[in-house]
Amino acid sequence: MGLFDALFGRRQAVQPARPASASVAKQRLVEVLVQDHIKLTPEAMEAIRQDIIRILSRHLDVDAERLQINITREERGESLTANVPVRRSGVTQRR
């Protein structure tokens, strides 16, 4: 907001909220530390990623490029969360 806008009470259009870069960096650091704590190597994380893709691809058309895997610390221990984008909504079941 410019000086004149501030003086005359004009507001800029509301921008969608984005997480602050500091909070994003902090979250990434926490994830790295948790992975280090449970002794997961980058190779192990990639093996988990490939297994998730292989297994879910049997039933869904997953977007492997956008798959995200996070390990976070919770009250009861660590938690692995996978965000698996699906390319199409109509899924057929195999018998």
C-alpha atoms as a PDB file:
ATOM      1  CA  MET A   1       0.000   0.000   0.000  1.00  0.00           C
ATOM      2  CA  GLY A   2       1.405   3.378  -0.947  1.00  0.00           C
ATOM      3  CA  LEU A   3       1.694   6.411   1.295  1.00  0.00           C
ATOM      4  CA  PHE A   4      -1.242   8.222  -0.319  1.00  0.00           C
ATOM      5  CA  ASP A   5      -3.424   5.131  -0.139  1.00  0.00           C
ATOM      6  CA  ALA A   6      -2.653   4.830   3.563  1.00  0.00           C
ATOM      7  CA  LEU A   7      -3.375   8.518   4.172  1.00  0.00           C
ATOM      8  CA  PHE A   8      -6.657   8.542   2.298  1.00  0.00           C
ATOM      9  CA  GLY A   9      -7.886   5.187   3.569  1.00  0.00           C
ATOM     10  CA  ARG A  10      -7.830   3.351   0.264  1.00  0.00           C
ATOM     11  CA  ARG A  11      -7.336  -0.372   0.412  1.00  0.00           C
ATOM     12  CA  GLN A  12      -5.788  -2.678  -2.099  1.00  0.00           C
ATOM     13  CA  ALA A  13      -7.667  -5.690  -3.425  1.00  0.00           C
ATOM     14  CA  VAL A  14      -7.545  -8.550  -0.974  1.00  0.00           C
ATOM     15  CA  GLN A  15      -4.911 -11.085  -1.963  1.00  0.00           C
ATOM     16  CA  PRO A  16      -5.355 -14.751  -1.112  1.00  0.00           C
ATOM     17  CA  ALA A  17      -3.409 -15.619   2.006  1.00  0.00           C
ATOM     18  CA  ARG A  18      -0.147 -17.457   1.392  1.00  0.00           C
ATOM     19  CA  PRO A  19       1.875 -19.068   4.104  1.00  0.00           C
ATOM     20  CA  ALA A  20       4.843 -16.949   5.138  1.00  0.00           C
ATOM     21  CA  SER A  21       8.137 -18.208   3.797  1.00  0.00           C
ATOM     22  CA  ALA A  22       9.438 -18.495   7.354  1.00  0.00           C
ATOM     23  CA  SER A  23       6.638 -20.876   8.333  1.00  0.00           C
ATOM     24  CA  VAL A  24       7.153 -22.955   5.182  1.00  0.00           C
ATOM     25  CA  ALA A  25      10.896 -23.161   5.881  1.00  0.00           C
ATOM     26  CA  LYS A  26      10.212 -24.114   9.498  1.00  0.00           C
ATOM     27  CA  GLN A  27       7.825 -26.892   8.427  1.00  0.00           C
ATOM     28  CA  ARG A  28      10.395 -28.258   5.962  1.00  0.00           C
ATOM     29  CA  LEU A  29      13.087 -28.202   8.629  1.00  0.00           C
ATOM     30  CA  VAL A  30      10.826 -30.081  11.051  1.00  0.00           C
ATOM     31  CA  GLU A  31      10.135 -32.710   8.373  1.00  0.00           C
ATOM     32  CA  VAL A  32      13.860 -33.153   7.689  1.00  0.00           C
ATOM     33  CA  LEU A  33      14.600 -33.482  11.398  1.00  0.00           C
ATOM     34  CA  VAL A  34      11.816 -36.033  11.866  1.00  0.00           C
ATOM     35  CA  GLN A  35      13.077 -38.075   8.898  1.00  0.00           C
ATOM     36  CA  ASP A  36      16.562 -37.962  10.381  1.00  0.00           C
ATOM     37  CA  HIS A  37      15.199 -38.976  13.801  1.00  0.00           C
ATOM     38  CA  ILE A  38      13.513 -42.099  12.431  1.00  0.00           C
ATOM     39  CA  LYS A  39      16.548 -42.858  10.236  1.00  0.00           C
ATOM     40  CA  LEU A  40      14.861 -42.643   6.825  1.00  0.00           C
ATOM     41  CA  THR A  41      17.360 -42.126   4.026  1.00  0.00           C
ATOM     42  CA  PRO A  42      16.408 -40.348   0.796  1.00  0.00           C
ATOM     43  CA  GLU A  43      16.599 -43.772  -0.887  1.00  0.00           C
ATOM     44  CA  ALA A  44      14.089 -45.202   1.612  1.00  0.00           C
ATOM     45  CA  MET A  45      11.738 -42.246   1.047  1.00  0.00           C
ATOM     46  CA  GLU A  46      11.964 -42.782  -2.715  1.00  0.00           C
ATOM     47  CA  ALA A  47      11.253 -46.517  -2.270  1.00  0.00           C
ATOM     48  CA  ILE A  48       8.155 -45.660  -0.200  1.00  0.00           C
ATOM     49  CA  ARG A  49       7.076 -43.178  -2.869  1.00  0.00           C
ATOM     50  CA  GLN A  50       7.466 -45.752  -5.664  1.00  0.00           C
ATOM     51  CA  ASP A  51       5.567 -48.390  -3.659  1.00  0.00           C
ATOM     52  CA  ILE A  52       2.672 -45.998  -3.055  1.00  0.00           C
ATOM     53  CA  ILE A  53       2.544 -45.137  -6.759  1.00  0.00           C
ATOM     54  CA  ARG A  54       2.741 -48.793  -7.828  1.00  0.00           C
ATOM     55  CA  ILE A  55       0.045 -50.010  -5.440  1.00  0.00           C
ATOM     56  CA  LEU A  56      -2.438 -47.169  -5.954  1.00  0.00           C
ATOM     57  CA  SER A  57      -1.932 -47.208  -9.735  1.00  0.00           C
ATOM     58  CA  ARG A  58      -3.585 -50.621  -9.780  1.00  0.00           C
ATOM     59  CA  HIS A  59      -6.891 -48.966  -8.933  1.00  0.00           C
ATOM     60  CA  LEU A  60      -6.524 -45.233  -9.657  1.00  0.00           C
ATOM     61  CA  ASP A  61      -4.998 -43.015 -12.309  1.00  0.00           C
ATOM     62  CA  VAL A  62      -2.619 -41.186  -9.968  1.00  0.00           C
ATOM     63  CA  ASP A  63      -0.517 -38.167 -10.858  1.00  0.00           C
ATOM     64  CA  ALA A  64       2.899 -39.440  -9.740  1.00  0.00           C
ATOM     65  CA  GLU A  65       4.597 -36.100 -10.443  1.00  0.00           C
ATOM     66  CA  ARG A  66       2.464 -34.294  -7.840  1.00  0.00           C
ATOM     67  CA  LEU A  67       2.562 -36.991  -5.127  1.00  0.00           C
ATOM     68  CA  GLN A  68       3.671 -35.508  -1.813  1.00  0.00           C
ATOM     69  CA  ILE A  69       4.849 -37.501   1.194  1.00  0.00           C
ATOM     70  CA  ASN A  70       5.388 -35.868   4.576  1.00  0.00           C
ATOM     71  CA  ILE A  71       6.537 -37.260   7.892  1.00  0.00           C
ATOM     72  CA  THR A  72       5.520 -35.168  10.868  1.00  0.00           C
ATOM     73  CA  ARG A  73       5.903 -35.434  14.604  1.00  0.00           C
ATOM     74  CA  GLU A  74       2.702 -35.744  16.614  1.00  0.00           C
ATOM     75  CA  GLU A  75       1.878 -36.328  20.259  1.00  0.00           C
ATOM     76  CA  ARG A  76       1.934 -40.107  19.887  1.00  0.00           C
ATOM     77  CA  GLY A  77       4.947 -40.273  17.583  1.00  0.00           C
ATOM     78  CA  GLU A  78       5.658 -39.737  13.921  1.00  0.00           C
ATOM     79  CA  SER A  79       3.044 -39.820  11.179  1.00  0.00           C
ATOM     80  CA  LEU A  80       3.478 -40.404   7.433  1.00  0.00           C
ATOM     81  CA  THR A  81       0.973 -38.557   5.259  1.00  0.00           C
ATOM     82  CA  ALA A  82       0.660 -38.985   1.505  1.00  0.00           C
ATOM     83  CA  ASN A  83      -1.195 -36.531  -0.710  1.00  0.00           C
ATOM     84  CA  VAL A  84      -1.975 -38.491  -3.894  1.00  0.00           C
ATOM     85  CA  PRO A  85      -3.621 -36.462  -6.679  1.00  0.00           C
ATOM     86  CA  VAL A  86      -5.942 -38.484  -8.923  1.00  0.00           C
ATOM     87  CA  ARG A  87      -6.114 -37.504 -12.599  1.00  0.00           C
ATOM     88  CA  ARG A  88      -9.722 -38.464 -13.233  1.00  0.00           C
ATOM     89  CA  SER A  89     -12.753 -38.807 -11.031  1.00  0.00           C
ATOM     90  CA  GLY A  90     -14.430 -41.766 -12.766  1.00  0.00           C
ATOM     91  CA  VAL A  91     -12.711 -44.839 -11.359  1.00  0.00           C
ATOM     92  CA  THR A  92     -13.595 -48.298 -12.554  1.00  0.00           C
ATOM     93  CA  GLN A  93     -13.209 -51.262 -10.277  1.00  0.00           C
ATOM     94  CA  ARG A  94     -11.234 -54.273 -11.439  1.00  0.00           C
ATOM     95  CA  ARG A  95     -12.421 -57.731 -10.541  1.00  0.00           C
END
